[in-house]
Amino acid sequence: MRILVLGGTSFIGRAISQTLIDRGHTVAICHRGRTEPPELRQAQHIHTDRTHLGAVRDQLAAFSPNGIVDTYALTRRDAEIAVANLPLDVPAVVLSSQDVYEAFDGFLTSQHVASLPLREDAAIRTRRYLYRDTPPTGVPADYEKIDVEAVWSARGACILRLPMVYGAGDLQCREGFVLRRLVAGRHEIPVGAGNLLWSRMHVDDVAAATAAAAEDATMQGTVMNIAEPTTPSIGQWMLQIASAMNIEIELVDVPEDVLPPDLMLTKGHRQHILADARLAESRLLLHRSNTEARVSQSVTWHLQHQTWAPWTDDDAATDDRALRRALV
């Protein structure tokens, strides 16, 4: 196939582009040109910002794709620009997020609002534009995957709702709240209940699922969750991360009001974000990876690239204050 990838040179998009190439497809990547991964030299590169996609419309048409993957539509406008400038008759796969579910708002507001696991027909958030007031770095104020889904679904695209994604290339370093302590020699970590269940998936498995959806035109018009088949709690995940470094750690229960800011995920949560991914497993014939092996691969990459926030004396003092309040 000839597959056009929008935004395919960093983290998830990069893994998808590489997977498509490895599977024998001819790939063109339309991106801003800020990163040029050497392993993606085989792909054709079309440089433009998404807002100027119309300026390279002739190049996109000349590539003549018979498949499209949009990895980085964050807003309604992002999706509208893509739909307006790409061939309407070409099957498309679009990456969305499980933050579209009402359960995600319940997680943010500490309310139990949804039963688990979350199937594709679970209630969608009524509160919109969650980051409008204080958008995180790199997230536009009008970020809203519900809008992205609406625009692309009207065109008949396949929508993949992603969980928390980790692995090589993750500059957010999802495991960083543990790694930064272990590298600093800290083996006692203050935690809350550590009960949160938040579906996760290694980036290579996300890429494999996306490629499988792009290869099958019968996926058009479907909405599917993708996630690992089992989801350890946050506390169990912390132990897996430490095990990947062959380090034994002790998770010390402390009052939630003394938890360090980067350990707030370990507090007791009333609403979990646990997705049912059986539809994608059956329709895309996904291979079940060993989650502990995937965690180990991810930890190895982060140790090589040191992507976590540096550990400071202030961090140590904050942890020590919390540990002194250990619950008996």
C-alpha atoms as a PDB file:
ATOM      1  CA  MET A   1       0.000   0.000   0.000  1.00  0.00           C
ATOM      2  CA  ARG A   2       0.891   3.661  -0.371  1.00  0.00           C
ATOM      3  CA  ILE A   3       0.175   5.203   3.019  1.00  0.00           C
ATOM      4  CA  LEU A   4       0.285   8.883   3.898  1.00  0.00           C
ATOM      5  CA  VAL A   5       1.046   9.595   7.562  1.00  0.00           C
ATOM      6  CA  LEU A   6       0.240  12.989   9.057  1.00  0.00           C
ATOM      7  CA  GLY A   7       2.688  13.803  11.837  1.00  0.00           C
ATOM      8  CA  GLY A   8       4.809  10.663  11.762  1.00  0.00           C
ATOM      9  CA  THR A   9       8.266  11.548  13.116  1.00  0.00           C
ATOM     10  CA  SER A  10       7.965  11.634  16.916  1.00  0.00           C
ATOM     11  CA  PHE A  11       6.959   9.047  19.510  1.00  0.00           C
ATOM     12  CA  ILE A  12       3.696   7.365  18.420  1.00  0.00           C
ATOM     13  CA  GLY A  13       3.770   8.681  14.856  1.00  0.00           C
ATOM     14  CA  ARG A  14       7.397   7.677  14.461  1.00  0.00           C
ATOM     15  CA  ALA A  15       6.671   4.129  15.617  1.00  0.00           C
ATOM     16  CA  ILE A  16       3.717   3.915  13.228  1.00  0.00           C
ATOM     17  CA  SER A  17       5.775   5.146  10.270  1.00  0.00           C
ATOM     18  CA  GLN A  18       8.545   2.659  11.036  1.00  0.00           C
ATOM     19  CA  THR A  19       6.085  -0.211  11.442  1.00  0.00           C
ATOM     20  CA  LEU A  20       4.420   0.571   8.111  1.00  0.00           C
ATOM     21  CA  ILE A  21       7.817   0.634   6.384  1.00  0.00           C
ATOM     22  CA  ASP A  22       8.811  -2.635   8.055  1.00  0.00           C
ATOM     23  CA  ARG A  23       5.580  -4.203   6.805  1.00  0.00           C
ATOM     24  CA  GLY A  24       6.535  -3.350   3.233  1.00  0.00           C
ATOM     25  CA  HIS A  25       4.379  -0.284   2.598  1.00  0.00           C
ATOM     26  CA  THR A  26       5.446   2.815   0.677  1.00  0.00           C
ATOM     27  CA  VAL A  27       5.150   5.671   3.150  1.00  0.00           C
ATOM     28  CA  ALA A  28       4.993   9.431   2.806  1.00  0.00           C
ATOM     29  CA  ILE A  29       5.195  11.453   6.027  1.00  0.00           C
ATOM     30  CA  CYS A  30       3.707  14.933   6.120  1.00  0.00           C
ATOM     31  CA  HIS A  31       5.270  16.841   9.016  1.00  0.00           C
ATOM     32  CA  ARG A  32       6.798  20.153  10.049  1.00  0.00           C
ATOM     33  CA  GLY A  33      10.392  19.073   9.474  1.00  0.00           C
ATOM     34  CA  ARG A  34      11.507  19.684  13.050  1.00  0.00           C
ATOM     35  CA  THR A  35      12.732  16.092  13.414  1.00  0.00           C
ATOM     36  CA  GLU A  36      14.189  13.862  10.710  1.00  0.00           C
ATOM     37  CA  PRO A  37      14.698  10.376  12.203  1.00  0.00           C
ATOM     38  CA  PRO A  38      17.447   8.649  10.220  1.00  0.00           C
ATOM     39  CA  GLU A  39      15.601   5.324  10.304  1.00  0.00           C
ATOM     40  CA  LEU A  40      12.772   6.920   8.313  1.00  0.00           C
ATOM     41  CA  ARG A  41      14.940   7.879   5.340  1.00  0.00           C
ATOM     42  CA  GLN A  42      13.056   5.356   3.199  1.00  0.00           C
ATOM     43  CA  ALA A  43       9.899   7.409   3.511  1.00  0.00           C
ATOM     44  CA  GLN A  44       9.050  10.393   1.362  1.00  0.00           C
ATOM     45  CA  HIS A  45       8.972  13.546   3.482  1.00  0.00           C
ATOM     46  CA  ILE A  46       6.565  16.397   2.785  1.00  0.00           C
ATOM     47  CA  HIS A  47       7.288  19.416   4.989  1.00  0.00           C
ATOM     48  CA  THR A  48       4.545  21.768   6.085  1.00  0.00           C
ATOM     49  CA  ASP A  49       2.652  22.851   9.149  1.00  0.00           C
ATOM     50  CA  ARG A  50      -0.850  21.386   9.243  1.00  0.00           C
ATOM     51  CA  THR A  51      -2.344  24.860   8.978  1.00  0.00           C
ATOM     52  CA  HIS A  52      -0.687  25.138   5.551  1.00  0.00           C
ATOM     53  CA  LEU A  53      -1.650  21.679   4.309  1.00  0.00           C
ATOM     54  CA  GLY A  54      -3.365  23.225   1.309  1.00  0.00           C
ATOM     55  CA  ALA A  55      -0.013  24.561   0.084  1.00  0.00           C
ATOM     56  CA  VAL A  56       1.264  20.996  -0.470  1.00  0.00           C
ATOM     57  CA  ARG A  57      -1.999  19.590  -1.763  1.00  0.00           C
ATOM     58  CA  ASP A  58      -0.442  18.840  -5.160  1.00  0.00           C
ATOM     59  CA  GLN A  59       2.410  16.891  -3.521  1.00  0.00           C
ATOM     60  CA  LEU A  60      -0.075  14.894  -1.462  1.00  0.00           C
ATOM     61  CA  ALA A  61      -2.117  14.109  -4.555  1.00  0.00           C
ATOM     62  CA  ALA A  62       1.018  13.168  -6.518  1.00  0.00           C
ATOM     63  CA  PHE A  63       1.894  10.585  -3.872  1.00  0.00           C
ATOM     64  CA  SER A  64      -1.499   9.029  -4.645  1.00  0.00           C
ATOM     65  CA  PRO A  65      -2.105   7.324  -1.282  1.00  0.00           C
ATOM     66  CA  ASN A  66      -4.521   4.453  -0.881  1.00  0.00           C
ATOM     67  CA  GLY A  67      -4.369   4.752   2.899  1.00  0.00           C
ATOM     68  CA  ILE A  68      -4.110   7.655   5.366  1.00  0.00           C
ATOM     69  CA  VAL A  69      -3.086   7.707   9.035  1.00  0.00           C
ATOM     70  CA  ASP A  70      -3.638  10.903  11.029  1.00  0.00           C
ATOM     71  CA  THR A  71      -1.522  10.608  14.163  1.00  0.00           C
ATOM     72  CA  TYR A  72      -1.690  14.162  15.466  1.00  0.00           C
ATOM     73  CA  ALA A  73      -5.069  15.845  15.055  1.00  0.00           C
ATOM     74  CA  LEU A  74      -5.612  17.596  18.397  1.00  0.00           C
ATOM     75  CA  THR A  75      -8.411  20.042  17.603  1.00  0.00           C
ATOM     76  CA  ARG A  76     -11.491  20.360  15.409  1.00  0.00           C
ATOM     77  CA  ARG A  77      -9.551  22.698  13.123  1.00  0.00           C
ATOM     78  CA  ASP A  78      -6.730  20.149  12.780  1.00  0.00           C
ATOM     79  CA  ALA A  79      -9.223  17.554  11.590  1.00  0.00           C
ATOM     80  CA  GLU A  80     -11.101  19.938   9.307  1.00  0.00           C
ATOM     81  CA  ILE A  81      -7.909  21.021   7.545  1.00  0.00           C
ATOM     82  CA  ALA A  82      -6.906  17.402   6.959  1.00  0.00           C
ATOM     83  CA  VAL A  83     -10.312  16.366   5.633  1.00  0.00           C
ATOM     84  CA  ALA A  84     -10.481  19.411   3.352  1.00  0.00           C
ATOM     85  CA  ASN A  85      -7.112  18.732   1.730  1.00  0.00           C
ATOM     86  CA  LEU A  86      -6.941  14.933   1.461  1.00  0.00           C
ATOM     87  CA  PRO A  87      -8.685  12.633  -1.034  1.00  0.00           C
ATOM     88  CA  LEU A  88     -12.182  11.816   0.216  1.00  0.00           C
ATOM     89  CA  ASP A  89     -12.202   8.302  -1.236  1.00  0.00           C
ATOM     90  CA  VAL A  90      -9.064   7.073   0.578  1.00  0.00           C
ATOM     91  CA  PRO A  91      -9.563   5.012   3.779  1.00  0.00           C
ATOM     92  CA  ALA A  92      -8.221   6.736   6.886  1.00  0.00           C
ATOM     93  CA  VAL A  93      -7.223   5.724  10.404  1.00  0.00           C
ATOM     94  CA  VAL A  94      -7.263   8.455  13.043  1.00  0.00           C
ATOM     95  CA  LEU A  95      -5.726   8.351  16.511  1.00  0.00           C
ATOM     96  CA  SER A  96      -8.036   9.515  19.269  1.00  0.00           C
ATOM     97  CA  SER A  97      -7.873   9.072  23.028  1.00  0.00           C
ATOM     98  CA  GLN A  98      -9.783   7.355  25.797  1.00  0.00           C
ATOM     99  CA  ASP A  99     -10.024  10.785  27.408  1.00  0.00           C
ATOM    100  CA  VAL A 100     -13.228  11.190  25.362  1.00  0.00           C
ATOM    101  CA  TYR A 101     -15.093   9.071  27.921  1.00  0.00           C
ATOM    102  CA  GLU A 102     -17.096  10.544  30.793  1.00  0.00           C
ATOM    103  CA  ALA A 103     -14.935   8.351  33.037  1.00  0.00           C
ATOM    104  CA  PHE A 104     -11.950  10.605  32.304  1.00  0.00           C
ATOM    105  CA  ASP A 105     -13.793  13.626  33.663  1.00  0.00           C
ATOM    106  CA  GLY A 106     -14.724  11.543  36.699  1.00  0.00           C
ATOM    107  CA  PHE A 107     -11.049  10.718  37.155  1.00  0.00           C
ATOM    108  CA  LEU A 108     -10.139  14.419  37.030  1.00  0.00           C
ATOM    109  CA  THR A 109     -12.900  15.454  39.444  1.00  0.00           C
ATOM    110  CA  SER A 110     -12.590  12.467  41.825  1.00  0.00           C
ATOM    111  CA  GLN A 111     -16.116  11.238  41.143  1.00  0.00           C
ATOM    112  CA  HIS A 112     -17.304   7.769  40.226  1.00  0.00           C
ATOM    113  CA  VAL A 113     -19.360   8.309  37.079  1.00  0.00           C
ATOM    114  CA  ALA A 114     -18.898   5.209  34.906  1.00  0.00           C
ATOM    115  CA  SER A 115     -18.912   1.442  35.214  1.00  0.00           C
ATOM    116  CA  LEU A 116     -15.985  -0.591  33.967  1.00  0.00           C
ATOM    117  CA  PRO A 117     -14.578  -1.696  31.657  1.00  0.00           C
ATOM    118  CA  LEU A 118     -15.239   1.131  29.209  1.00  0.00           C
ATOM    119  CA  ARG A 119     -16.659  -0.209  25.963  1.00  0.00           C
ATOM    120  CA  GLU A 120     -16.802   1.860  22.813  1.00  0.00           C
ATOM    121  CA  ASP A 121     -20.453   2.746  23.534  1.00  0.00           C
ATOM    122  CA  ALA A 122     -19.672   4.112  27.015  1.00  0.00           C
ATOM    123  CA  ALA A 123     -20.833   7.646  27.796  1.00  0.00           C
ATOM    124  CA  ILE A 124     -18.799  10.471  26.272  1.00  0.00           C
ATOM    125  CA  ARG A 125     -17.767  13.530  28.283  1.00  0.00           C
ATOM    126  CA  THR A 126     -20.272  16.370  28.495  1.00  0.00           C
ATOM    127  CA  ARG A 127     -17.631  18.793  29.825  1.00  0.00           C
ATOM    128  CA  ARG A 128     -15.482  19.884  26.906  1.00  0.00           C
ATOM    129  CA  TYR A 129     -12.087  21.529  26.344  1.00  0.00           C
ATOM    130  CA  LEU A 130     -10.562  20.311  29.586  1.00  0.00           C
ATOM    131  CA  TYR A 131      -7.325  22.248  29.097  1.00  0.00           C
ATOM    132  CA  ARG A 132      -8.781  25.579  27.966  1.00  0.00           C
ATOM    133  CA  ASP A 133      -7.811  27.446  31.147  1.00  0.00           C
ATOM    134  CA  THR A 134      -4.397  25.901  31.849  1.00  0.00           C
ATOM    135  CA  PRO A 135      -3.169  23.921  28.826  1.00  0.00           C
ATOM    136  CA  PRO A 136      -0.113  21.703  29.446  1.00  0.00           C
ATOM    137  CA  THR A 137       3.023  22.379  27.414  1.00  0.00           C
ATOM    138  CA  GLY A 138       2.395  21.542  23.777  1.00  0.00           C
ATOM    139  CA  VAL A 139      -1.365  21.126  24.180  1.00  0.00           C
ATOM    140  CA  PRO A 140      -3.559  23.759  22.483  1.00  0.00           C
ATOM    141  CA  ALA A 141      -6.269  25.381  24.576  1.00  0.00           C
ATOM    142  CA  ASP A 142      -8.922  24.057  22.184  1.00  0.00           C
ATOM    143  CA  TYR A 143      -7.630  20.469  22.361  1.00  0.00           C
ATOM    144  CA  GLU A 144     -10.596  18.138  22.078  1.00  0.00           C
ATOM    145  CA  LYS A 145     -10.507  14.622  20.674  1.00  0.00           C
ATOM    146  CA  ILE A 146     -14.319  14.497  20.731  1.00  0.00           C
ATOM    147  CA  ASP A 147     -14.253  17.176  18.012  1.00  0.00           C
ATOM    148  CA  VAL A 148     -11.558  15.313  16.074  1.00  0.00           C
ATOM    149  CA  GLU A 149     -13.639  12.144  16.113  1.00  0.00           C
ATOM    150  CA  ALA A 150     -16.752  13.989  14.954  1.00  0.00           C
ATOM    151  CA  VAL A 151     -15.021  15.495  11.911  1.00  0.00           C
ATOM    152  CA  TRP A 152     -13.208  12.338  10.837  1.00  0.00           C
ATOM    153  CA  SER A 153     -16.147  10.022  11.580  1.00  0.00           C
ATOM    154  CA  ALA A 154     -18.358  12.087   9.262  1.00  0.00           C
ATOM    155  CA  ARG A 155     -15.869  11.159   6.538  1.00  0.00           C
ATOM    156  CA  GLY A 156     -16.063   7.464   7.495  1.00  0.00           C
ATOM    157  CA  ALA A 157     -12.629   7.048   9.098  1.00  0.00           C
ATOM    158  CA  CYS A 158     -11.590   4.300  11.500  1.00  0.00           C
ATOM    159  CA  ILE A 159     -11.097   5.816  14.957  1.00  0.00           C
ATOM    160  CA  LEU A 160      -8.640   4.243  17.399  1.00  0.00           C
ATOM    161  CA  ARG A 161      -9.019   5.393  21.006  1.00  0.00           C
ATOM    162  CA  LEU A 162      -5.624   5.178  22.680  1.00  0.00           C
ATOM    163  CA  PRO A 163      -4.835   4.578  26.349  1.00  0.00           C
ATOM    164  CA  MET A 164      -1.770   5.887  28.200  1.00  0.00           C
ATOM    165  CA  VAL A 165       1.067   5.118  25.760  1.00  0.00           C
ATOM    166  CA  TYR A 166       4.612   4.407  26.946  1.00  0.00           C
ATOM    167  CA  GLY A 167       7.876   3.197  25.458  1.00  0.00           C
ATOM    168  CA  ALA A 168      10.778   4.373  23.313  1.00  0.00           C
ATOM    169  CA  GLY A 169      10.487   8.002  22.268  1.00  0.00           C
ATOM    170  CA  ASP A 170       8.153   9.022  25.097  1.00  0.00           C
ATOM    171  CA  LEU A 171       9.621  12.346  26.159  1.00  0.00           C
ATOM    172  CA  GLN A 172       6.970  12.649  28.869  1.00  0.00           C
ATOM    173  CA  CYS A 173       8.669   9.609  30.431  1.00  0.00           C
ATOM    174  CA  ARG A 174       5.565   7.987  31.888  1.00  0.00           C
ATOM    175  CA  GLU A 175       7.759   5.904  34.222  1.00  0.00           C
ATOM    176  CA  GLY A 176       9.733   8.944  35.339  1.00  0.00           C
ATOM    177  CA  PHE A 177       8.060   9.289  38.747  1.00  0.00           C
ATOM    178  CA  VAL A 178       9.690   5.974  39.671  1.00  0.00           C
ATOM    179  CA  LEU A 179      12.893   6.099  37.622  1.00  0.00           C
ATOM    180  CA  ARG A 180      14.057   9.451  38.968  1.00  0.00           C
ATOM    181  CA  ARG A 181      13.893   8.076  42.512  1.00  0.00           C
ATOM    182  CA  LEU A 182      15.590   4.775  41.735  1.00  0.00           C
ATOM    183  CA  VAL A 183      18.459   6.434  39.869  1.00  0.00           C
ATOM    184  CA  ALA A 184      18.891   8.740  42.877  1.00  0.00           C
ATOM    185  CA  GLY A 185      19.208   5.680  45.114  1.00  0.00           C
ATOM    186  CA  ARG A 186      15.772   6.005  46.741  1.00  0.00           C
ATOM    187  CA  HIS A 187      14.253   2.613  47.547  1.00  0.00           C
ATOM    188  CA  GLU A 188      11.404   3.778  49.796  1.00  0.00           C
ATOM    189  CA  ILE A 189       8.683   5.639  47.908  1.00  0.00           C
ATOM    190  CA  PRO A 190       5.739   7.371  49.617  1.00  0.00           C
ATOM    191  CA  VAL A 191       2.426   6.423  48.052  1.00  0.00           C
ATOM    192  CA  GLY A 192      -1.291   6.680  48.582  1.00  0.00           C
ATOM    193  CA  ALA A 193      -3.645   3.766  47.944  1.00  0.00           C
ATOM    194  CA  GLY A 194      -2.003   3.074  44.568  1.00  0.00           C
ATOM    195  CA  ASN A 195      -5.255   1.581  43.303  1.00  0.00           C
ATOM    196  CA  LEU A 196      -5.688   3.443  40.008  1.00  0.00           C
ATOM    197  CA  LEU A 197      -6.408   1.272  36.972  1.00  0.00           C
ATOM    198  CA  TRP A 198      -5.505   3.234  33.829  1.00  0.00           C
ATOM    199  CA  SER A 199      -5.235   1.275  30.589  1.00  0.00           C
ATOM    200  CA  ARG A 200      -1.785   1.409  29.027  1.00  0.00           C
ATOM    201  CA  MET A 201      -0.110   0.168  25.843  1.00  0.00           C
ATOM    202  CA  HIS A 202       3.463   0.030  24.595  1.00  0.00           C
ATOM    203  CA  VAL A 203       4.079   2.306  21.625  1.00  0.00           C
ATOM    204  CA  ASP A 204       5.157  -0.583  19.382  1.00  0.00           C
ATOM    205  CA  ASP A 205       1.851  -2.346  20.034  1.00  0.00           C
ATOM    206  CA  VAL A 206      -0.037   0.874  19.272  1.00  0.00           C
ATOM    207  CA  ALA A 207       1.876   1.055  15.988  1.00  0.00           C
ATOM    208  CA  ALA A 208       1.042  -2.571  15.128  1.00  0.00           C
ATOM    209  CA  ALA A 209      -2.653  -1.988  15.825  1.00  0.00           C
ATOM    210  CA  THR A 210      -2.672   1.178  13.716  1.00  0.00           C
ATOM    211  CA  ALA A 211      -0.930  -0.555  10.822  1.00  0.00           C
ATOM    212  CA  ALA A 212      -3.396  -3.442  10.956  1.00  0.00           C
ATOM    213  CA  ALA A 213      -6.320  -1.008  10.834  1.00  0.00           C
ATOM    214  CA  ALA A 214      -4.758   0.877   7.909  1.00  0.00           C
ATOM    215  CA  GLU A 215      -4.297  -2.356   5.957  1.00  0.00           C
ATOM    216  CA  ASP A 216      -7.961  -3.366   6.240  1.00  0.00           C
ATOM    217  CA  ALA A 217     -10.478  -1.137   4.443  1.00  0.00           C
ATOM    218  CA  THR A 218     -13.355  -2.914   6.227  1.00  0.00           C
ATOM    219  CA  MET A 219     -12.310  -1.050   9.382  1.00  0.00           C
ATOM    220  CA  GLN A 220     -13.717   2.193   7.967  1.00  0.00           C
ATOM    221  CA  GLY A 221     -16.483   3.644  10.093  1.00  0.00           C
ATOM    222  CA  THR A 222     -15.489   1.726  13.214  1.00  0.00           C
ATOM    223  CA  VAL A 223     -14.488   3.096  16.616  1.00  0.00           C
ATOM    224  CA  MET A 224     -12.217   0.873  18.698  1.00  0.00           C
ATOM    225  CA  ASN A 225     -10.367   1.020  21.993  1.00  0.00           C
ATOM    226  CA  ILE A 226      -6.850  -0.335  21.945  1.00  0.00           C
ATOM    227  CA  ALA A 227      -5.068  -1.283  25.161  1.00  0.00           C
ATOM    228  CA  GLU A 228      -3.109  -4.050  26.810  1.00  0.00           C
ATOM    229  CA  PRO A 229      -5.354  -6.970  27.828  1.00  0.00           C
ATOM    230  CA  THR A 230      -4.372  -6.705  31.501  1.00  0.00           C
ATOM    231  CA  THR A 231      -3.822  -3.528  33.487  1.00  0.00           C
ATOM    232  CA  PRO A 232      -1.873  -3.650  36.758  1.00  0.00           C
ATOM    233  CA  SER A 233      -2.704  -0.934  39.267  1.00  0.00           C
ATOM    234  CA  ILE A 234      -0.402   2.070  39.514  1.00  0.00           C
ATOM    235  CA  GLY A 235       1.203   0.498  42.583  1.00  0.00           C
ATOM    236  CA  GLN A 236       1.813  -2.775  40.758  1.00  0.00           C
ATOM    237  CA  TRP A 237       3.192  -0.876  37.770  1.00  0.00           C
ATOM    238  CA  MET A 238       5.685   0.857  40.052  1.00  0.00           C
ATOM    239  CA  LEU A 239       6.907  -2.541  41.229  1.00  0.00           C
ATOM    240  CA  GLN A 240       7.245  -3.689  37.604  1.00  0.00           C
ATOM    241  CA  ILE A 241       9.348  -0.622  36.791  1.00  0.00           C
ATOM    242  CA  ALA A 242      11.649  -1.305  39.737  1.00  0.00           C
ATOM    243  CA  SER A 243      11.863  -4.985  38.815  1.00  0.00           C
ATOM    244  CA  ALA A 244      13.010  -3.996  35.321  1.00  0.00           C
ATOM    245  CA  MET A 245      16.032  -2.384  37.035  1.00  0.00           C
ATOM    246  CA  ASN A 246      16.513  -5.382  39.357  1.00  0.00           C
ATOM    247  CA  ILE A 247      15.807  -3.148  42.349  1.00  0.00           C
ATOM    248  CA  GLU A 248      13.569  -3.955  45.287  1.00  0.00           C
ATOM    249  CA  ILE A 249      11.504  -1.036  46.501  1.00  0.00           C
ATOM    250  CA  GLU A 250       9.109  -0.468  49.358  1.00  0.00           C
ATOM    251  CA  LEU A 251       5.907   1.441  48.706  1.00  0.00           C
ATOM    252  CA  VAL A 252       5.223   3.272  51.955  1.00  0.00           C
ATOM    253  CA  ASP A 253       1.627   4.291  52.684  1.00  0.00           C
ATOM    254  CA  VAL A 254       1.382   7.949  53.661  1.00  0.00           C
ATOM    255  CA  PRO A 255      -1.512  10.416  54.028  1.00  0.00           C
ATOM    256  CA  GLU A 256      -2.536  11.789  50.655  1.00  0.00           C
ATOM    257  CA  ASP A 257      -2.094  15.387  51.792  1.00  0.00           C
ATOM    258  CA  VAL A 258       1.685  14.897  52.020  1.00  0.00           C
ATOM    259  CA  LEU A 259       2.178  13.115  48.700  1.00  0.00           C
ATOM    260  CA  PRO A 260       4.808  14.767  46.454  1.00  0.00           C
ATOM    261  CA  PRO A 261       3.181  16.336  43.358  1.00  0.00           C
ATOM    262  CA  ASP A 262       4.582  13.756  40.923  1.00  0.00           C
ATOM    263  CA  LEU A 263       3.119  10.907  43.002  1.00  0.00           C
ATOM    264  CA  MET A 264      -0.487  12.102  42.967  1.00  0.00           C
ATOM    265  CA  LEU A 265      -1.420   9.259  40.593  1.00  0.00           C
ATOM    266  CA  THR A 266      -0.829   6.946  43.545  1.00  0.00           C
ATOM    267  CA  LYS A 267      -3.609   8.459  45.652  1.00  0.00           C
ATOM    268  CA  GLY A 268      -6.905   6.613  46.051  1.00  0.00           C
ATOM    269  CA  HIS A 269      -9.074   7.085  42.961  1.00  0.00           C
ATOM    270  CA  ARG A 270     -12.834   6.620  42.785  1.00  0.00           C
ATOM    271  CA  GLN A 271     -12.951   6.509  38.970  1.00  0.00           C
ATOM    272  CA  HIS A 272     -10.664   4.314  36.899  1.00  0.00           C
ATOM    273  CA  ILE A 273      -9.958   4.553  33.158  1.00  0.00           C
ATOM    274  CA  LEU A 274     -10.014   0.889  32.236  1.00  0.00           C
ATOM    275  CA  ALA A 275     -10.892   0.219  28.594  1.00  0.00           C
ATOM    276  CA  ASP A 276     -12.409  -2.878  27.021  1.00  0.00           C
ATOM    277  CA  ALA A 277     -10.248  -3.550  23.950  1.00  0.00           C
ATOM    278  CA  ARG A 278     -11.735  -6.898  22.933  1.00  0.00           C
ATOM    279  CA  LEU A 279     -13.279  -5.490  19.746  1.00  0.00           C
ATOM    280  CA  ALA A 280      -9.899  -4.377  18.417  1.00  0.00           C
ATOM    281  CA  GLU A 281      -8.255  -7.613  19.551  1.00  0.00           C
ATOM    282  CA  SER A 282     -10.743  -9.683  17.585  1.00  0.00           C
ATOM    283  CA  ARG A 283     -11.028  -7.521  14.475  1.00  0.00           C
ATOM    284  CA  LEU A 284      -7.368  -6.550  14.146  1.00  0.00           C
ATOM    285  CA  LEU A 285      -6.041  -9.925  15.350  1.00  0.00           C
ATOM    286  CA  LEU A 286      -3.673  -8.192  17.740  1.00  0.00           C
ATOM    287  CA  HIS A 287      -0.756 -10.090  19.231  1.00  0.00           C
ATOM    288  CA  ARG A 288      -0.782 -10.102  23.040  1.00  0.00           C
ATOM    289  CA  SER A 289       2.567  -8.790  24.239  1.00  0.00           C
ATOM    290  CA  ASN A 290       4.074  -9.674  27.606  1.00  0.00           C
ATOM    291  CA  THR A 291       3.441  -6.501  29.603  1.00  0.00           C
ATOM    292  CA  GLU A 292       6.354  -7.022  31.994  1.00  0.00           C
ATOM    293  CA  ALA A 293       8.689  -7.445  29.019  1.00  0.00           C
ATOM    294  CA  ARG A 294       7.283  -4.279  27.455  1.00  0.00           C
ATOM    295  CA  VAL A 295       7.826  -2.339  30.694  1.00  0.00           C
ATOM    296  CA  SER A 296      11.410  -3.610  30.787  1.00  0.00           C
ATOM    297  CA  GLN A 297      12.010  -2.506  27.181  1.00  0.00           C
ATOM    298  CA  SER A 298      10.631   0.933  27.965  1.00  0.00           C
ATOM    299  CA  VAL A 299      12.695   1.308  31.141  1.00  0.00           C
ATOM    300  CA  THR A 300      15.850   0.300  29.267  1.00  0.00           C
ATOM    301  CA  TRP A 301      15.238   3.006  26.639  1.00  0.00           C
ATOM    302  CA  HIS A 302      14.617   5.699  29.253  1.00  0.00           C
ATOM    303  CA  LEU A 303      17.735   4.751  31.199  1.00  0.00           C
ATOM    304  CA  GLN A 304      19.736   5.124  27.998  1.00  0.00           C
ATOM    305  CA  HIS A 305      18.235   8.534  27.215  1.00  0.00           C
ATOM    306  CA  GLN A 306      17.641   9.922  30.746  1.00  0.00           C
ATOM    307  CA  THR A 307      14.319  11.545  29.888  1.00  0.00           C
ATOM    308  CA  TRP A 308      13.001  12.030  33.434  1.00  0.00           C
ATOM    309  CA  ALA A 309      12.999  15.260  35.415  1.00  0.00           C
ATOM    310  CA  PRO A 310      16.257  15.650  37.396  1.00  0.00           C
ATOM    311  CA  TRP A 311      16.179  14.660  41.067  1.00  0.00           C
ATOM    312  CA  THR A 312      16.946  17.521  43.457  1.00  0.00           C
ATOM    313  CA  ASP A 313      17.640  18.051  47.150  1.00  0.00           C
ATOM    314  CA  ASP A 314      14.196  19.640  47.447  1.00  0.00           C
ATOM    315  CA  ASP A 315      12.640  16.488  45.975  1.00  0.00           C
ATOM    316  CA  ALA A 316      14.487  14.357  48.518  1.00  0.00           C
ATOM    317  CA  ALA A 317      13.316  16.591  51.365  1.00  0.00           C
ATOM    318  CA  THR A 318       9.701  16.391  50.159  1.00  0.00           C
ATOM    319  CA  ASP A 319       9.843  12.592  49.999  1.00  0.00           C
ATOM    320  CA  ASP A 320      11.465  12.400  53.427  1.00  0.00           C
ATOM    321  CA  ARG A 321       8.769  14.590  54.977  1.00  0.00           C
ATOM    322  CA  ALA A 322       6.123  12.323  53.487  1.00  0.00           C
ATOM    323  CA  LEU A 323       7.900   9.158  54.679  1.00  0.00           C
ATOM    324  CA  ARG A 324       8.016  10.497  58.217  1.00  0.00           C
ATOM    325  CA  ARG A 325       4.226  10.504  58.103  1.00  0.00           C
ATOM    326  CA  ALA A 326       4.060   6.806  57.191  1.00  0.00           C
ATOM    327  CA  LEU A 327       0.789   5.134  58.115  1.00  0.00           C
ATOM    328  CA  VAL A 328       0.994   2.198  60.497  1.00  0.00           C
END
